N, C-alpha and C. Protein backbone atom coordinates (compact mmCIF):
# COMPACT_ATOMS: atom_id res chain seq x y z
N MET A 1 152.27 89.48 56.19
CA MET A 1 153.28 89.26 57.13
C MET A 1 153.57 88.00 57.03
N CYS A 2 154.81 87.74 57.36
CA CYS A 2 155.35 86.42 57.47
C CYS A 2 155.24 85.51 58.60
N PRO A 3 154.47 84.43 58.19
CA PRO A 3 154.37 83.23 59.52
C PRO A 3 155.44 82.67 59.99
N HIS A 4 156.61 82.50 59.45
CA HIS A 4 157.81 81.91 60.12
C HIS A 4 158.37 82.25 61.30
N THR A 5 158.96 81.48 61.86
CA THR A 5 159.82 81.83 62.85
C THR A 5 161.14 81.13 62.80
N PRO A 6 162.18 81.99 62.77
CA PRO A 6 162.26 83.40 62.68
C PRO A 6 161.68 84.03 61.30
N THR A 7 161.16 85.13 61.39
CA THR A 7 160.41 85.86 60.21
C THR A 7 161.53 85.83 58.92
N CYS A 8 161.06 85.93 57.85
CA CYS A 8 161.84 86.10 56.72
C CYS A 8 162.33 87.37 56.65
N PRO A 9 163.49 87.63 55.92
CA PRO A 9 163.74 89.02 55.60
C PRO A 9 162.73 89.58 54.54
N GLU A 10 162.66 91.09 54.95
CA GLU A 10 161.83 91.63 54.11
C GLU A 10 162.52 91.95 52.78
N ALA A 11 161.72 92.36 51.69
CA ALA A 11 161.72 92.57 50.19
C ALA A 11 163.04 93.53 49.98
N ALA A 12 163.19 94.55 50.79
CA ALA A 12 164.21 95.67 50.83
C ALA A 12 165.39 95.25 51.57
N ALA A 13 165.45 94.02 52.26
CA ALA A 13 166.65 93.70 53.16
C ALA A 13 167.90 93.23 52.27
N PRO A 14 169.06 93.29 52.58
CA PRO A 14 170.22 92.64 51.96
C PRO A 14 170.14 91.24 51.83
N ASP A 15 169.73 90.51 52.57
CA ASP A 15 169.46 89.03 52.39
C ASP A 15 168.26 88.73 52.16
N ARG A 16 167.50 89.56 51.34
CA ARG A 16 166.18 89.12 50.99
C ARG A 16 165.97 87.91 50.54
N GLU A 17 166.79 87.29 49.49
CA GLU A 17 166.83 86.16 49.02
C GLU A 17 166.89 84.83 49.82
N ALA A 18 167.20 85.18 51.30
CA ALA A 18 166.79 84.02 52.25
C ALA A 18 165.51 83.61 52.67
N ALA A 19 164.37 84.53 52.33
CA ALA A 19 163.18 84.10 52.61
C ALA A 19 162.97 82.83 52.00
N ARG A 20 161.91 82.17 52.65
CA ARG A 20 161.27 80.92 52.26
C ARG A 20 160.65 80.79 51.04
N THR A 21 160.74 79.79 50.24
CA THR A 21 159.84 79.69 49.06
C THR A 21 158.51 78.97 49.43
N ILE A 22 157.48 79.80 48.99
CA ILE A 22 156.21 79.44 49.26
C ILE A 22 155.52 78.72 47.83
N ILE A 23 156.10 79.38 46.64
CA ILE A 23 155.46 78.66 45.53
C ILE A 23 156.57 78.45 44.74
N CYS A 24 156.72 77.00 44.00
CA CYS A 24 157.85 76.95 43.29
C CYS A 24 157.40 76.31 41.69
N HIS A 25 157.83 76.86 40.76
CA HIS A 25 157.37 76.60 39.53
C HIS A 25 158.89 76.30 38.55
N PRO A 26 159.47 75.11 38.75
CA PRO A 26 160.83 74.97 38.11
C PRO A 26 160.72 74.70 36.61
N GLU A 27 159.42 74.17 36.32
CA GLU A 27 159.15 73.92 34.93
C GLU A 27 159.16 75.38 34.14
N GLN A 28 158.62 76.42 34.62
CA GLN A 28 158.75 77.65 34.38
C GLN A 28 159.82 78.65 34.69
N GLY A 29 160.60 78.23 35.54
CA GLY A 29 161.73 78.92 35.97
C GLY A 29 161.66 79.99 36.92
N TRP A 30 160.80 79.88 37.69
CA TRP A 30 160.49 80.93 38.76
C TRP A 30 160.01 80.43 40.14
N SER A 31 160.18 81.18 41.19
CA SER A 31 159.63 80.83 42.42
C SER A 31 159.18 82.01 43.36
N LEU A 32 158.43 81.81 44.01
CA LEU A 32 157.89 83.09 44.80
C LEU A 32 158.22 82.87 45.99
N LEU A 33 158.95 84.00 46.98
CA LEU A 33 159.44 83.86 48.00
C LEU A 33 158.30 84.37 49.27
N CYS A 34 158.55 84.23 50.40
CA CYS A 34 157.62 84.53 51.33
C CYS A 34 157.26 85.98 51.27
N ASN A 35 158.63 86.73 51.29
CA ASN A 35 158.52 88.30 51.08
C ASN A 35 158.00 88.96 49.89
N GLY A 36 157.30 88.30 49.05
CA GLY A 36 156.52 88.63 47.70
C GLY A 36 157.62 88.63 46.66
N ILE A 37 158.99 88.25 46.80
CA ILE A 37 159.93 88.48 45.70
C ILE A 37 159.64 87.04 44.85
N VAL A 38 159.83 87.57 43.53
CA VAL A 38 159.74 86.16 42.39
C VAL A 38 161.21 86.15 41.99
N ILE A 39 161.69 85.14 42.15
CA ILE A 39 163.19 84.76 41.68
C ILE A 39 162.87 84.00 40.50
N PHE A 40 164.03 84.21 39.67
CA PHE A 40 163.91 83.34 38.50
C PHE A 40 165.32 82.42 38.21
N GLU A 41 165.19 81.55 37.50
CA GLU A 41 166.27 80.45 37.37
C GLU A 41 167.56 81.33 37.13
N ASP A 42 167.38 82.20 36.06
CA ASP A 42 168.92 82.88 35.84
C ASP A 42 169.15 83.72 36.72
N THR A 43 168.61 83.81 38.15
CA THR A 43 169.07 84.75 39.40
C THR A 43 168.44 86.09 39.24
N GLY A 44 167.76 86.45 38.15
CA GLY A 44 167.18 87.69 38.32
C GLY A 44 165.67 87.64 39.53
N GLU A 45 165.35 88.80 39.72
CA GLU A 45 164.18 88.91 40.55
C GLU A 45 163.40 89.84 40.14
N LEU A 46 162.01 89.90 40.80
CA LEU A 46 161.06 90.58 40.48
C LEU A 46 160.80 91.23 41.75
N LEU A 47 160.84 92.53 42.32
CA LEU A 47 160.45 92.80 43.79
C LEU A 47 159.12 93.16 43.95
N PRO A 48 158.39 93.32 45.02
CA PRO A 48 156.80 93.68 45.21
C PRO A 48 156.64 94.89 44.53
N GLY A 49 157.28 95.94 44.64
CA GLY A 49 156.98 96.97 43.88
C GLY A 49 156.90 97.07 42.44
N GLY A 50 157.51 95.88 41.72
CA GLY A 50 157.75 96.07 40.40
C GLY A 50 159.06 96.19 39.97
N HIS A 51 160.02 96.54 40.63
CA HIS A 51 161.22 96.72 40.36
C HIS A 51 162.04 95.43 39.94
N ALA A 52 162.63 95.40 38.95
CA ALA A 52 163.29 94.43 38.46
C ALA A 52 164.86 94.33 38.65
N ILE A 53 165.47 93.36 39.27
CA ILE A 53 167.00 92.94 39.53
C ILE A 53 167.32 92.04 38.33
N GLY A 54 168.20 92.41 37.44
CA GLY A 54 168.73 91.47 36.47
C GLY A 54 169.66 90.26 37.13
N PRO A 55 169.83 89.44 36.25
CA PRO A 55 170.72 88.08 36.83
C PRO A 55 171.95 88.90 37.57
N HIS A 56 172.31 88.08 38.38
CA HIS A 56 173.52 88.79 39.32
C HIS A 56 174.44 87.73 39.95
N ARG A 57 174.32 86.55 39.65
CA ARG A 57 175.17 85.39 39.94
C ARG A 57 175.49 84.60 38.77
N PRO A 58 176.64 84.16 38.80
CA PRO A 58 177.04 83.22 37.85
C PRO A 58 176.22 81.96 37.84
N THR A 59 175.81 81.42 36.94
CA THR A 59 174.89 80.07 37.08
C THR A 59 175.75 78.88 36.24
N ASP A 60 176.69 79.16 35.56
CA ASP A 60 177.72 78.17 34.87
C ASP A 60 178.99 78.67 35.31
N LEU A 61 179.59 77.86 36.13
CA LEU A 61 181.17 77.98 36.33
C LEU A 61 181.96 77.16 35.68
N PRO A 62 183.10 77.70 35.14
CA PRO A 62 184.10 76.94 34.62
C PRO A 62 184.71 76.00 35.59
N LEU A 63 185.27 74.71 35.14
CA LEU A 63 186.06 73.88 35.94
C LEU A 63 187.39 74.54 36.56
N PRO A 64 187.85 74.49 37.87
CA PRO A 64 189.14 75.13 38.13
C PRO A 64 190.31 74.51 37.16
N SER A 65 191.28 75.33 37.02
CA SER A 65 192.30 75.06 35.85
C SER A 65 192.91 73.54 36.46
N HIS A 66 193.06 73.52 37.85
CA HIS A 66 193.59 72.31 38.29
C HIS A 66 192.79 70.97 38.15
N ALA A 67 191.65 70.95 37.97
CA ALA A 67 190.83 70.17 37.54
C ALA A 67 190.57 69.74 36.12
N ALA A 68 190.92 70.67 35.09
CA ALA A 68 191.02 70.46 33.84
C ALA A 68 192.46 69.82 33.63
N ILE A 69 193.41 70.04 34.43
CA ILE A 69 194.81 69.36 34.06
C ILE A 69 194.70 67.98 34.24
N HIS A 70 194.08 67.53 35.36
CA HIS A 70 193.97 66.28 35.96
C HIS A 70 192.52 65.58 35.59
N ALA A 71 191.75 66.06 34.65
CA ALA A 71 190.66 65.29 34.06
C ALA A 71 190.79 64.02 33.47
N ASP A 72 192.08 63.98 32.81
CA ASP A 72 192.08 62.59 32.14
C ASP A 72 193.00 61.64 33.34
N THR A 73 193.28 61.98 34.41
CA THR A 73 193.93 61.18 35.31
C THR A 73 192.91 60.21 36.27
N PRO A 74 193.50 58.98 36.19
CA PRO A 74 192.50 57.94 36.86
C PRO A 74 192.43 58.24 38.21
N ASP A 75 191.22 58.10 39.05
CA ASP A 75 191.13 58.32 40.28
C ASP A 75 191.88 57.37 41.19
N THR A 76 192.08 56.07 40.52
CA THR A 76 192.72 54.98 41.46
C THR A 76 194.18 55.13 41.18
N PRO A 77 195.09 54.96 42.38
CA PRO A 77 196.28 54.97 42.19
C PRO A 77 197.01 53.86 41.42
N ALA A 78 198.24 54.03 40.71
CA ALA A 78 198.79 52.68 40.10
C ALA A 78 199.36 51.84 40.95
N ALA A 79 199.46 50.74 40.69
CA ALA A 79 200.04 49.52 41.52
C ALA A 79 201.45 49.32 41.28
């Protein structure tokens, strides 16, 4: 049972990833949430019953096209 107030979402809830982290091992790429879910650095999940959810969010996003166009433009205005 979750000791937090308000209680963390259950493992079957759509917002299950919002549960608090109780154990974190960034050097190994995983964390344990209060609801029993193990979340991985690549955004995959292992649910308490053993069901696995593959990576489902992008972790490396490209620059927006306007940022790439202006990447070589100085930030300071010309005098």
